[in-house]
Amino acid sequence: MQILDIQPVDIANKTGISERTVKNGIWDNKPISGKLLRALYTHYQVSMDWLASGNGPMFCNSADHIAEDSAVYGDNPRTARIVDLINEWMSFANPDEQAWLETELKFKMHVYKEYFSKK
């Protein structure tokens, strides 16, 4: 978070998440909690994809960043429909809802993909 010039205590004060949790998840490279992912997205517009994987842009300042090509998840039409539906929901959602959709649905797409590949 050096780019934003903030310290763990700043994030803890703004989000209500303990300074230790913030330090563990960001500075100490330990597994990052869904609550911290959502808080960083909501308060600082930091991409959850970037936080979780290091891929893509660090910041998301528009719904365009959230929209994802369903081809990322393979060519199964069922999975593609789920991704398209999530993208549609996210385009109308407020930042808290977008954060929930991102953590609760998009990060679980591998489960849906595996399930549909068995059908």
C-alpha atoms as a PDB file:
ATOM      1  CA  MET A   1       0.000   0.000   0.000  1.00  0.00           C
ATOM      2  CA  GLN A   2       3.023   2.193  -0.426  1.00  0.00           C
ATOM      3  CA  ILE A   3       1.432   3.633  -3.570  1.00  0.00           C
ATOM      4  CA  LEU A   4      -1.377   5.065  -1.429  1.00  0.00           C
ATOM      5  CA  ASP A   5       1.106   6.111   1.279  1.00  0.00           C
ATOM      6  CA  ILE A   6      -0.905   4.407   4.025  1.00  0.00           C
ATOM      7  CA  GLN A   7       0.115   2.221   6.923  1.00  0.00           C
ATOM      8  CA  PRO A   8      -1.683  -0.724   8.568  1.00  0.00           C
ATOM      9  CA  VAL A   9      -2.949   1.544  11.346  1.00  0.00           C
ATOM     10  CA  ASP A  10      -4.581   3.840   8.752  1.00  0.00           C
ATOM     11  CA  ILE A  11      -6.406   0.931   7.145  1.00  0.00           C
ATOM     12  CA  ALA A  12      -7.411  -0.450  10.561  1.00  0.00           C
ATOM     13  CA  ASN A  13      -8.837   2.900  11.628  1.00  0.00           C
ATOM     14  CA  LYS A  14     -10.785   3.358   8.396  1.00  0.00           C
ATOM     15  CA  THR A  15     -12.121  -0.204   8.092  1.00  0.00           C
ATOM     16  CA  GLY A  16     -12.472  -1.416  11.672  1.00  0.00           C
ATOM     17  CA  ILE A  17     -10.294  -4.446  10.896  1.00  0.00           C
ATOM     18  CA  SER A  18      -7.483  -5.064  13.374  1.00  0.00           C
ATOM     19  CA  GLU A  19      -4.056  -3.700  12.532  1.00  0.00           C
ATOM     20  CA  ARG A  20      -2.574  -7.222  12.962  1.00  0.00           C
ATOM     21  CA  THR A  21      -4.998  -8.686  10.399  1.00  0.00           C
ATOM     22  CA  VAL A  22      -4.162  -5.915   7.953  1.00  0.00           C
ATOM     23  CA  LYS A  23      -0.430  -6.408   8.485  1.00  0.00           C
ATOM     24  CA  ASN A  24      -0.684 -10.180   8.086  1.00  0.00           C
ATOM     25  CA  GLY A  25      -2.726  -9.996   4.891  1.00  0.00           C
ATOM     26  CA  ILE A  26      -0.903  -7.192   3.099  1.00  0.00           C
ATOM     27  CA  TRP A  27       2.604  -6.774   4.427  1.00  0.00           C
ATOM     28  CA  ASP A  28       3.368 -10.329   5.659  1.00  0.00           C
ATOM     29  CA  ASN A  29       1.931 -12.196   2.651  1.00  0.00           C
ATOM     30  CA  LYS A  30      -0.342 -14.413   4.761  1.00  0.00           C
ATOM     31  CA  PRO A  31      -3.784 -15.491   3.495  1.00  0.00           C
ATOM     32  CA  ILE A  32      -6.038 -12.468   3.186  1.00  0.00           C
ATOM     33  CA  SER A  33      -9.543 -12.640   4.635  1.00  0.00           C
ATOM     34  CA  GLY A  34     -12.700 -11.972   2.651  1.00  0.00           C
ATOM     35  CA  LYS A  35     -13.549  -9.180   5.090  1.00  0.00           C
ATOM     36  CA  LEU A  36     -10.231  -7.440   4.396  1.00  0.00           C
ATOM     37  CA  LEU A  37     -10.630  -7.956   0.632  1.00  0.00           C
ATOM     38  CA  ARG A  38     -14.052  -6.305   0.731  1.00  0.00           C
ATOM     39  CA  ALA A  39     -12.823  -3.453   2.940  1.00  0.00           C
ATOM     40  CA  LEU A  40      -9.853  -2.658   0.685  1.00  0.00           C
ATOM     41  CA  TYR A  41     -12.121  -2.740  -2.345  1.00  0.00           C
ATOM     42  CA  THR A  42     -14.821  -0.604  -0.732  1.00  0.00           C
ATOM     43  CA  HIS A  43     -12.591   1.991   0.941  1.00  0.00           C
ATOM     44  CA  TYR A  44      -9.603   2.159  -1.424  1.00  0.00           C
ATOM     45  CA  GLN A  45     -10.907   0.695  -4.736  1.00  0.00           C
ATOM     46  CA  VAL A  46      -8.131  -1.922  -4.695  1.00  0.00           C
ATOM     47  CA  SER A  47      -8.954  -4.776  -7.043  1.00  0.00           C
ATOM     48  CA  MET A  48      -9.797  -8.025  -5.295  1.00  0.00           C
ATOM     49  CA  ASP A  49      -8.419  -9.939  -8.265  1.00  0.00           C
ATOM     50  CA  TRP A  50      -5.112  -8.117  -7.845  1.00  0.00           C
ATOM     51  CA  LEU A  51      -5.073  -8.714  -4.075  1.00  0.00           C
ATOM     52  CA  ALA A  52      -5.883 -12.403  -4.409  1.00  0.00           C
ATOM     53  CA  SER A  53      -3.716 -13.267  -7.401  1.00  0.00           C
ATOM     54  CA  GLY A  54      -1.453 -10.338  -8.262  1.00  0.00           C
ATOM     55  CA  ASN A  55      -2.978 -10.293 -11.748  1.00  0.00           C
ATOM     56  CA  GLY A  56      -4.550  -7.317 -13.484  1.00  0.00           C
ATOM     57  CA  PRO A  57      -4.590  -3.675 -12.470  1.00  0.00           C
ATOM     58  CA  MET A  58      -4.187  -2.795  -8.801  1.00  0.00           C
ATOM     59  CA  PHE A  59      -7.079  -0.340  -8.744  1.00  0.00           C
ATOM     60  CA  CYS A  60     -10.592  -0.562 -10.088  1.00  0.00           C
ATOM     61  CA  ASN A  61     -12.286   2.731 -10.628  1.00  0.00           C
ATOM     62  CA  SER A  62     -15.194   1.626 -12.775  1.00  0.00           C
ATOM     63  CA  ALA A  63     -17.555  -1.240 -13.508  1.00  0.00           C
ATOM     64  CA  ASP A  64     -15.459  -1.938 -16.624  1.00  0.00           C
ATOM     65  CA  HIS A  65     -12.767  -3.381 -14.394  1.00  0.00           C
ATOM     66  CA  ILE A  66     -15.238  -5.730 -12.750  1.00  0.00           C
ATOM     67  CA  ALA A  67     -16.727  -7.079 -15.966  1.00  0.00           C
ATOM     68  CA  GLU A  68     -14.948 -10.222 -16.926  1.00  0.00           C
ATOM     69  CA  ASP A  69     -14.942 -12.193 -20.129  1.00  0.00           C
ATOM     70  CA  SER A  70     -16.695 -15.504 -19.508  1.00  0.00           C
ATOM     71  CA  ALA A  71     -14.096 -17.190 -21.738  1.00  0.00           C
ATOM     72  CA  VAL A  72     -11.713 -16.975 -18.771  1.00  0.00           C
ATOM     73  CA  TYR A  73     -13.660 -19.870 -17.268  1.00  0.00           C
ATOM     74  CA  GLY A  74     -13.707 -22.100 -20.323  1.00  0.00           C
ATOM     75  CA  ASP A  75     -16.244 -22.751 -23.023  1.00  0.00           C
ATOM     76  CA  ASN A  76     -19.055 -24.302 -20.975  1.00  0.00           C
ATOM     77  CA  PRO A  77     -22.258 -22.346 -21.779  1.00  0.00           C
ATOM     78  CA  ARG A  78     -23.604 -22.788 -18.245  1.00  0.00           C
ATOM     79  CA  THR A  79     -20.520 -21.254 -16.695  1.00  0.00           C
ATOM     80  CA  ALA A  80     -20.599 -18.440 -19.273  1.00  0.00           C
ATOM     81  CA  ARG A  81     -24.198 -17.647 -18.279  1.00  0.00           C
ATOM     82  CA  ILE A  82     -23.225 -17.437 -14.608  1.00  0.00           C
ATOM     83  CA  VAL A  83     -20.344 -15.061 -15.379  1.00  0.00           C
ATOM     84  CA  ASP A  84     -22.589 -12.899 -17.557  1.00  0.00           C
ATOM     85  CA  LEU A  85     -25.208 -12.780 -14.799  1.00  0.00           C
ATOM     86  CA  ILE A  86     -22.624 -11.795 -12.174  1.00  0.00           C
ATOM     87  CA  ASN A  87     -21.293  -9.078 -14.489  1.00  0.00           C
ATOM     88  CA  GLU A  88     -24.815  -7.740 -14.985  1.00  0.00           C
ATOM     89  CA  TRP A  89     -25.488  -7.698 -11.239  1.00  0.00           C
ATOM     90  CA  MET A  90     -22.199  -5.919 -10.615  1.00  0.00           C
ATOM     91  CA  SER A  91     -22.961  -3.205 -13.147  1.00  0.00           C
ATOM     92  CA  PHE A  92     -26.019  -2.176 -11.075  1.00  0.00           C
ATOM     93  CA  ALA A  93     -24.592  -2.838  -7.606  1.00  0.00           C
ATOM     94  CA  ASN A  94     -23.303  -0.318  -5.106  1.00  0.00           C
ATOM     95  CA  PRO A  95     -19.666  -0.723  -3.925  1.00  0.00           C
ATOM     96  CA  ASP A  96     -20.584  -2.929  -0.939  1.00  0.00           C
ATOM     97  CA  GLU A  97     -22.703  -5.207  -3.120  1.00  0.00           C
ATOM     98  CA  GLN A  98     -19.937  -5.348  -5.740  1.00  0.00           C
ATOM     99  CA  ALA A  99     -17.475  -6.380  -3.046  1.00  0.00           C
ATOM    100  CA  TRP A 100     -19.816  -9.128  -1.863  1.00  0.00           C
ATOM    101  CA  LEU A 101     -20.442 -10.381  -5.396  1.00  0.00           C
ATOM    102  CA  GLU A 102     -16.722 -10.378  -6.103  1.00  0.00           C
ATOM    103  CA  THR A 103     -15.770 -12.361  -3.012  1.00  0.00           C
ATOM    104  CA  GLU A 104     -18.758 -14.656  -2.714  1.00  0.00           C
ATOM    105  CA  LEU A 105     -19.396 -15.498  -6.351  1.00  0.00           C
ATOM    106  CA  LYS A 106     -16.484 -14.743  -8.652  1.00  0.00           C
ATOM    107  CA  PHE A 107     -13.876 -16.340  -6.404  1.00  0.00           C
ATOM    108  CA  LYS A 108     -15.998 -19.502  -6.315  1.00  0.00           C
ATOM    109  CA  MET A 109     -16.356 -19.818 -10.082  1.00  0.00           C
ATOM    110  CA  HIS A 110     -13.905 -22.719 -10.127  1.00  0.00           C
ATOM    111  CA  VAL A 111     -16.438 -24.716  -8.062  1.00  0.00           C
ATOM    112  CA  TYR A 112     -19.236 -23.982 -10.559  1.00  0.00           C
ATOM    113  CA  LYS A 113     -16.947 -24.766 -13.464  1.00  0.00           C
ATOM    114  CA  GLU A 114     -15.992 -28.123 -11.968  1.00  0.00           C
ATOM    115  CA  TYR A 115     -19.619 -28.969 -11.224  1.00  0.00           C
ATOM    116  CA  PHE A 116     -20.821 -28.122 -14.731  1.00  0.00           C
ATOM    117  CA  SER A 117     -17.970 -30.012 -16.367  1.00  0.00           C
ATOM    118  CA  LYS A 118     -19.306 -33.225 -14.773  1.00  0.00           C
ATOM    119  CA  LYS A 119     -22.800 -32.773 -16.230  1.00  0.00           C
END
